C-alpha atoms as a PDB file:
ATOM      1  CA  MET A   1      13.566 -15.001  -3.143  1.00  0.00           C
ATOM      2  CA  SER A   2      14.471 -11.665  -4.678  1.00  0.00           C
ATOM      3  CA  VAL A   3      14.472  -7.973  -3.963  1.00  0.00           C
ATOM      4  CA  LEU A   4      12.628  -6.454  -6.912  1.00  0.00           C
ATOM      5  CA  PRO A   5      13.242  -3.031  -8.463  1.00  0.00           C
ATOM      6  CA  ILE A   6      10.736  -0.318  -7.511  1.00  0.00           C
ATOM      7  CA  ILE A   7       9.151   1.651 -10.338  1.00  0.00           C
ATOM      8  CA  THR A   8       8.872   5.382  -9.732  1.00  0.00           C
ATOM      9  CA  ILE A   9       6.919   8.317 -11.127  1.00  0.00           C
ATOM     10  CA  PRO A  10       6.436   9.082 -13.981  1.00  0.00           C
ATOM     11  CA  ASN A  11       6.316   5.376 -14.966  1.00  0.00           C
ATOM     12  CA  PRO A  12       2.910   4.938 -16.683  1.00  0.00           C
ATOM     13  CA  LEU A  13       2.283   1.598 -14.919  1.00  0.00           C
ATOM     14  CA  LEU A  14       1.630   3.557 -11.723  1.00  0.00           C
ATOM     15  CA  LYS A  15      -1.431   5.143 -13.389  1.00  0.00           C
ATOM     16  CA  GLN A  16      -2.969   1.829 -14.460  1.00  0.00           C
ATOM     17  CA  LYS A  17      -5.643  -0.051 -12.562  1.00  0.00           C
ATOM     18  CA  SER A  18      -4.412  -3.417 -11.282  1.00  0.00           C
ATOM     19  CA  LEU A  19      -6.297  -6.593 -12.146  1.00  0.00           C
ATOM     20  CA  PRO A  20      -7.960  -8.916  -9.621  1.00  0.00           C
ATOM     21  CA  VAL A  21      -6.116 -12.100  -8.727  1.00  0.00           C
ATOM     22  CA  GLU A  22      -8.278 -14.992  -9.962  1.00  0.00           C
ATOM     23  CA  ASN A  23      -6.310 -17.867  -8.406  1.00  0.00           C
ATOM     24  CA  ILE A  24      -3.594 -17.949  -5.781  1.00  0.00           C
ATOM     25  CA  THR A  25      -0.996 -19.875  -7.735  1.00  0.00           C
ATOM     26  CA  GLU A  26       2.640 -20.601  -6.956  1.00  0.00           C
ATOM     27  CA  GLU A  27       3.518 -17.577  -9.109  1.00  0.00           C
ATOM     28  CA  VAL A  28       1.298 -15.365  -6.937  1.00  0.00           C
ATOM     29  CA  LYS A  29       2.899 -16.765  -3.776  1.00  0.00           C
ATOM     30  CA  GLU A  30       6.361 -16.131  -5.220  1.00  0.00           C
ATOM     31  CA  LEU A  31       5.384 -12.549  -6.109  1.00  0.00           C
ATOM     32  CA  VAL A  32       4.127 -12.014  -2.542  1.00  0.00           C
ATOM     33  CA  GLU A  33       7.367 -13.364  -1.075  1.00  0.00           C
ATOM     34  CA  ASN A  34       9.442 -11.159  -3.393  1.00  0.00           C
ATOM     35  CA  MET A  35       7.307  -8.144  -2.444  1.00  0.00           C
ATOM     36  CA  ARG A  36       7.889  -8.923   1.238  1.00  0.00           C
ATOM     37  CA  GLU A  37      11.647  -9.191   0.671  1.00  0.00           C
ATOM     38  CA  THR A  38      11.605  -5.913  -1.256  1.00  0.00           C
ATOM     39  CA  MET A  39       9.668  -4.184   1.514  1.00  0.00           C
ATOM     40  CA  LEU A  40      12.100  -5.421   4.171  1.00  0.00           C
ATOM     41  CA  PHE A  41      15.076  -4.339   2.061  1.00  0.00           C
ATOM     42  CA  HIS A  42      13.856  -0.737   2.104  1.00  0.00           C
ATOM     43  CA  LYS A  43      14.283   0.313   5.727  1.00  0.00           C
ATOM     44  CA  SER A  44      11.219   1.885   7.343  1.00  0.00           C
ATOM     45  CA  CYS A  45       9.005   0.773   4.448  1.00  0.00           C
ATOM     46  CA  VAL A  46       5.617  -0.183   5.900  1.00  0.00           C
ATOM     47  CA  GLY A  47       3.714  -1.085   2.752  1.00  0.00           C
ATOM     48  CA  ILE A  48       4.040  -2.096  -0.864  1.00  0.00           C
ATOM     49  CA  ALA A  49       1.664  -2.736  -3.751  1.00  0.00           C
ATOM     50  CA  ALA A  50       2.340  -5.208  -6.551  1.00  0.00           C
ATOM     51  CA  VAL A  51       2.258  -2.444  -9.159  1.00  0.00           C
ATOM     52  CA  GLN A  52       5.293  -0.854  -7.483  1.00  0.00           C
ATOM     53  CA  VAL A  53       7.301  -3.887  -8.595  1.00  0.00           C
ATOM     54  CA  ALA A  54       5.711  -3.761 -12.074  1.00  0.00           C
ATOM     55  CA  ALA A  55       3.040  -6.432 -11.459  1.00  0.00           C
ATOM     56  CA  LEU A  56      -0.506  -5.277 -12.232  1.00  0.00           C
ATOM     57  CA  SER A  57      -2.100  -7.575  -9.646  1.00  0.00           C
ATOM     58  CA  ARG A  58      -4.377  -6.456  -6.797  1.00  0.00           C
ATOM     59  CA  ILE A  59      -1.972  -7.409  -4.007  1.00  0.00           C
ATOM     60  CA  ILE A  60      -0.673  -5.282  -1.149  1.00  0.00           C
ATOM     61  CA  ILE A  61       1.484  -5.964   1.881  1.00  0.00           C
ATOM     62  CA  VAL A  62       1.354  -3.760   4.983  1.00  0.00           C
ATOM     63  CA  ASP A  63       3.249  -4.047   8.267  1.00  0.00           C
ATOM     64  CA  VAL A  64       3.261  -0.862  10.339  1.00  0.00           C
ATOM     65  CA  SER A  65       5.311  -2.563  13.052  1.00  0.00           C
ATOM     66  CA  LEU A  66       8.275  -1.782  10.763  1.00  0.00           C
ATOM     67  CA  ALA A  67       7.791   1.992  11.168  1.00  0.00           C
ATOM     68  CA  GLN A  68      10.448   4.080  12.899  1.00  0.00           C
ATOM     69  CA  THR A  69       7.842   5.026  15.512  1.00  0.00           C
ATOM     70  CA  PRO A  70       5.873   2.058  16.910  1.00  0.00           C
ATOM     71  CA  HIS A  71       2.178   1.933  15.987  1.00  0.00           C
ATOM     72  CA  ARG A  72      -0.747  -0.299  16.879  1.00  0.00           C
ATOM     73  CA  SER A  73      -0.460  -3.092  14.369  1.00  0.00           C
ATOM     74  CA  SER A  74      -2.075  -6.248  13.063  1.00  0.00           C
ATOM     75  CA  GLY A  75       1.409  -7.413  12.059  1.00  0.00           C
ATOM     76  CA  LEU A  76       2.280  -8.504   8.542  1.00  0.00           C
ATOM     77  CA  LEU A  77      -0.809  -8.264   6.340  1.00  0.00           C
ATOM     78  CA  VAL A  78      -0.874  -9.822   2.883  1.00  0.00           C
ATOM     79  CA  MET A  79      -4.044  -8.604   1.190  1.00  0.00           C
ATOM     80  CA  ILE A  80      -5.183  -9.993  -2.130  1.00  0.00           C
ATOM     81  CA  ASN A  81      -8.041  -8.192  -3.908  1.00  0.00           C
ATOM     82  CA  PRO A  82      -8.578  -5.790  -0.970  1.00  0.00           C
ATOM     83  CA  VAL A  83     -11.766  -3.721  -0.877  1.00  0.00           C
ATOM     84  CA  ILE A  84     -12.655  -1.080   1.693  1.00  0.00           C
ATOM     85  CA  ALA A  85     -16.133  -2.106   2.853  1.00  0.00           C
ATOM     86  CA  TYR A  86     -16.618   0.652   5.428  1.00  0.00           C
ATOM     87  CA  SER A  87     -14.859   3.843   6.428  1.00  0.00           C
ATOM     88  CA  SER A  88     -15.439   6.721   8.825  1.00  0.00           C
ATOM     89  CA  GLY A  89     -13.832   9.861  10.149  1.00  0.00           C
ATOM     90  CA  LYS A  90     -11.008  11.855   8.630  1.00  0.00           C
ATOM     91  CA  SER A  91      -7.372  12.233   9.493  1.00  0.00           C
ATOM     92  CA  SER A  92      -4.530  14.139   7.844  1.00  0.00           C
ATOM     93  CA  SER A  93      -0.934  13.008   7.927  1.00  0.00           C
ATOM     94  CA  ARG A  94       2.266  13.189   5.937  1.00  0.00           C
ATOM     95  CA  GLU A  95       2.925  10.310   3.571  1.00  0.00           C
ATOM     96  CA  GLY A  96       5.921   9.130   1.636  1.00  0.00           C
ATOM     97  CA  CYS A  97       6.301   6.436  -0.984  1.00  0.00           C
ATOM     98  CA  LEU A  98       9.040   4.364  -2.576  1.00  0.00           C
ATOM     99  CA  SER A  99       7.540   5.244  -5.972  1.00  0.00           C
ATOM    100  CA  VAL A 100       7.724   8.978  -5.191  1.00  0.00           C
ATOM    101  CA  PRO A 101      11.223   9.027  -3.697  1.00  0.00           C
ATOM    102  CA  ASP A 102      11.884  12.770  -3.567  1.00  0.00           C
ATOM    103  CA  PHE A 103       8.725  14.046  -1.880  1.00  0.00           C
ATOM    104  CA  ILE A 104       6.352  13.676   1.053  1.00  0.00           C
ATOM    105  CA  GLY A 105       2.865  15.125   1.188  1.00  0.00           C
ATOM    106  CA  SER A 106      -0.009  15.943   3.520  1.00  0.00           C
ATOM    107  CA  VAL A 107      -2.962  13.695   2.691  1.00  0.00           C
ATOM    108  CA  THR A 108      -6.419  13.426   4.257  1.00  0.00           C
ATOM    109  CA  ARG A 109      -7.761   9.885   4.521  1.00  0.00           C
ATOM    110  CA  LYS A 110     -10.395   7.973   6.455  1.00  0.00           C
ATOM    111  CA  LYS A 111      -9.534   7.449  10.128  1.00  0.00           C
ATOM    112  CA  LYS A 112     -11.206   4.031  10.488  1.00  0.00           C
ATOM    113  CA  ILE A 113     -11.722   1.374   7.842  1.00  0.00           C
ATOM    114  CA  GLU A 114     -12.949  -2.161   7.412  1.00  0.00           C
ATOM    115  CA  VAL A 115     -11.263  -3.980   4.568  1.00  0.00           C
ATOM    116  CA  GLU A 116     -12.241  -7.293   2.985  1.00  0.00           C
ATOM    117  CA  TYR A 117      -9.576  -9.331   1.239  1.00  0.00           C
ATOM    118  CA  LEU A 118      -8.201 -12.790   0.571  1.00  0.00           C
ATOM    119  CA  ASP A 119      -5.210 -13.972   2.553  1.00  0.00           C
ATOM    120  CA  ILE A 120      -2.340 -15.905   0.976  1.00  0.00           C
ATOM    121  CA  ASN A 121      -4.312 -19.145   1.452  1.00  0.00           C
ATOM    122  CA  GLY A 122      -7.324 -17.787  -0.419  1.00  0.00           C
ATOM    123  CA  GLN A 123      -9.415 -17.390   2.737  1.00  0.00           C
ATOM    124  CA  LYS A 124     -11.762 -14.405   2.974  1.00  0.00           C
ATOM    125  CA  GLN A 125     -10.792 -12.000   5.737  1.00  0.00           C
ATOM    126  CA  ARG A 126     -12.248  -8.798   7.156  1.00  0.00           C
ATOM    127  CA  LEU A 127     -10.096  -6.410   9.159  1.00  0.00           C
ATOM    128  CA  LYS A 128     -11.214  -3.420  11.215  1.00  0.00           C
ATOM    129  CA  THR A 129      -8.396  -0.976  11.793  1.00  0.00           C
ATOM    130  CA  GLU A 130      -7.689   2.690  12.374  1.00  0.00           C
ATOM    131  CA  GLY A 131      -4.916   5.229  12.587  1.00  0.00           C
ATOM    132  CA  PHE A 132      -1.608   4.694  10.845  1.00  0.00           C
ATOM    133  CA  GLU A 133      -2.416   1.141   9.743  1.00  0.00           C
ATOM    134  CA  ALA A 134      -5.662   2.345   8.106  1.00  0.00           C
ATOM    135  CA  VAL A 135      -3.765   5.145   6.352  1.00  0.00           C
ATOM    136  CA  CYS A 136      -1.167   2.705   5.013  1.00  0.00           C
ATOM    137  CA  ILE A 137      -3.792   0.282   3.716  1.00  0.00           C
ATOM    138  CA  GLN A 138      -5.627   3.121   1.937  1.00  0.00           C
ATOM    139  CA  HIS A 139      -2.332   4.366   0.464  1.00  0.00           C
ATOM    140  CA  GLU A 140      -1.519   0.915  -0.934  1.00  0.00           C
ATOM    141  CA  ILE A 141      -5.042   0.321  -2.273  1.00  0.00           C
ATOM    142  CA  ASP A 142      -4.738   3.665  -4.067  1.00  0.00           C
ATOM    143  CA  HIS A 143      -1.768   2.214  -5.958  1.00  0.00           C
ATOM    144  CA  LEU A 144      -3.994  -0.642  -7.150  1.00  0.00           C
ATOM    145  CA  ASP A 145      -6.401   1.934  -8.569  1.00  0.00           C
ATOM    146  CA  GLY A 146      -3.713   3.950 -10.370  1.00  0.00           C
ATOM    147  CA  TYR A 147      -3.155   6.695  -7.788  1.00  0.00           C
ATOM    148  CA  VAL A 148      -0.099   7.885  -5.895  1.00  0.00           C
ATOM    149  CA  PHE A 149      -0.357  10.101  -2.822  1.00  0.00           C
ATOM    150  CA  LEU A 150       0.405  13.188  -4.944  1.00  0.00           C
ATOM    151  CA  ASP A 151      -3.022  12.657  -6.547  1.00  0.00           C
ATOM    152  CA  ARG A 152      -4.650  13.008  -3.102  1.00  0.00           C
ATOM    153  CA  VAL A 153      -3.064  16.226  -1.839  1.00  0.00           C
ATOM    154  CA  THR A 154      -5.273  19.314  -1.791  1.00  0.00           C
ATOM    155  CA  SER A 155      -2.551  21.608  -3.117  1.00  0.00           C
ATOM    156  CA  VAL A 156       0.799  20.653  -4.609  1.00  0.00           C
ATOM    157  CA  LYS A 157       2.072  24.106  -3.611  1.00  0.00           C
ATOM    158  CA  THR A 158       1.199  23.865   0.097  1.00  0.00           C
ATOM    159  CA  ASP A 159       0.953  20.114   0.808  1.00  0.00           C
ATOM    160  CA  VAL A 160       4.018  18.628  -0.924  1.00  0.00           C
ATOM    161  CA  PHE A 161       7.523  18.853   0.506  1.00  0.00           C
ATOM    162  CA  ARG A 162      10.932  17.780  -0.770  1.00  0.00           C
ATOM    163  CA  ARG A 163      12.537  15.062   1.396  1.00  0.00           C
END
């Protein structure tokens, strides 16, 4: 398996909407494994979207157990074609991103979510989660829709900070 290069802003791929995965082929499984390796290579990385490694496929991986501060976690989540089916509440936190390496920003997201997705075996799953894990999943799904966290801040002047 390989550690893949991360694309960063202003790469135009990051603004494109990713395409649904029709079939979970060996190529898809290899992409997922390479994404996992890439995520592990970048210390403290808790999530990655396929578009960040230049693949316009609706795939994300999240594992908040890798965070510097421990969080309640469902462990390693491989989500193919994820869709947020339900959300509630609001929570603001600071976010960073491998594709936006020089900045962090304050972003308001839903506190609780339910997400439907396919696992790596093509089985439908539904996950209820909240807190940091919910934030990370929303952040990664944003990538699939052509957004980075900078698109979600209220004010670039007051909510974005240099690392």
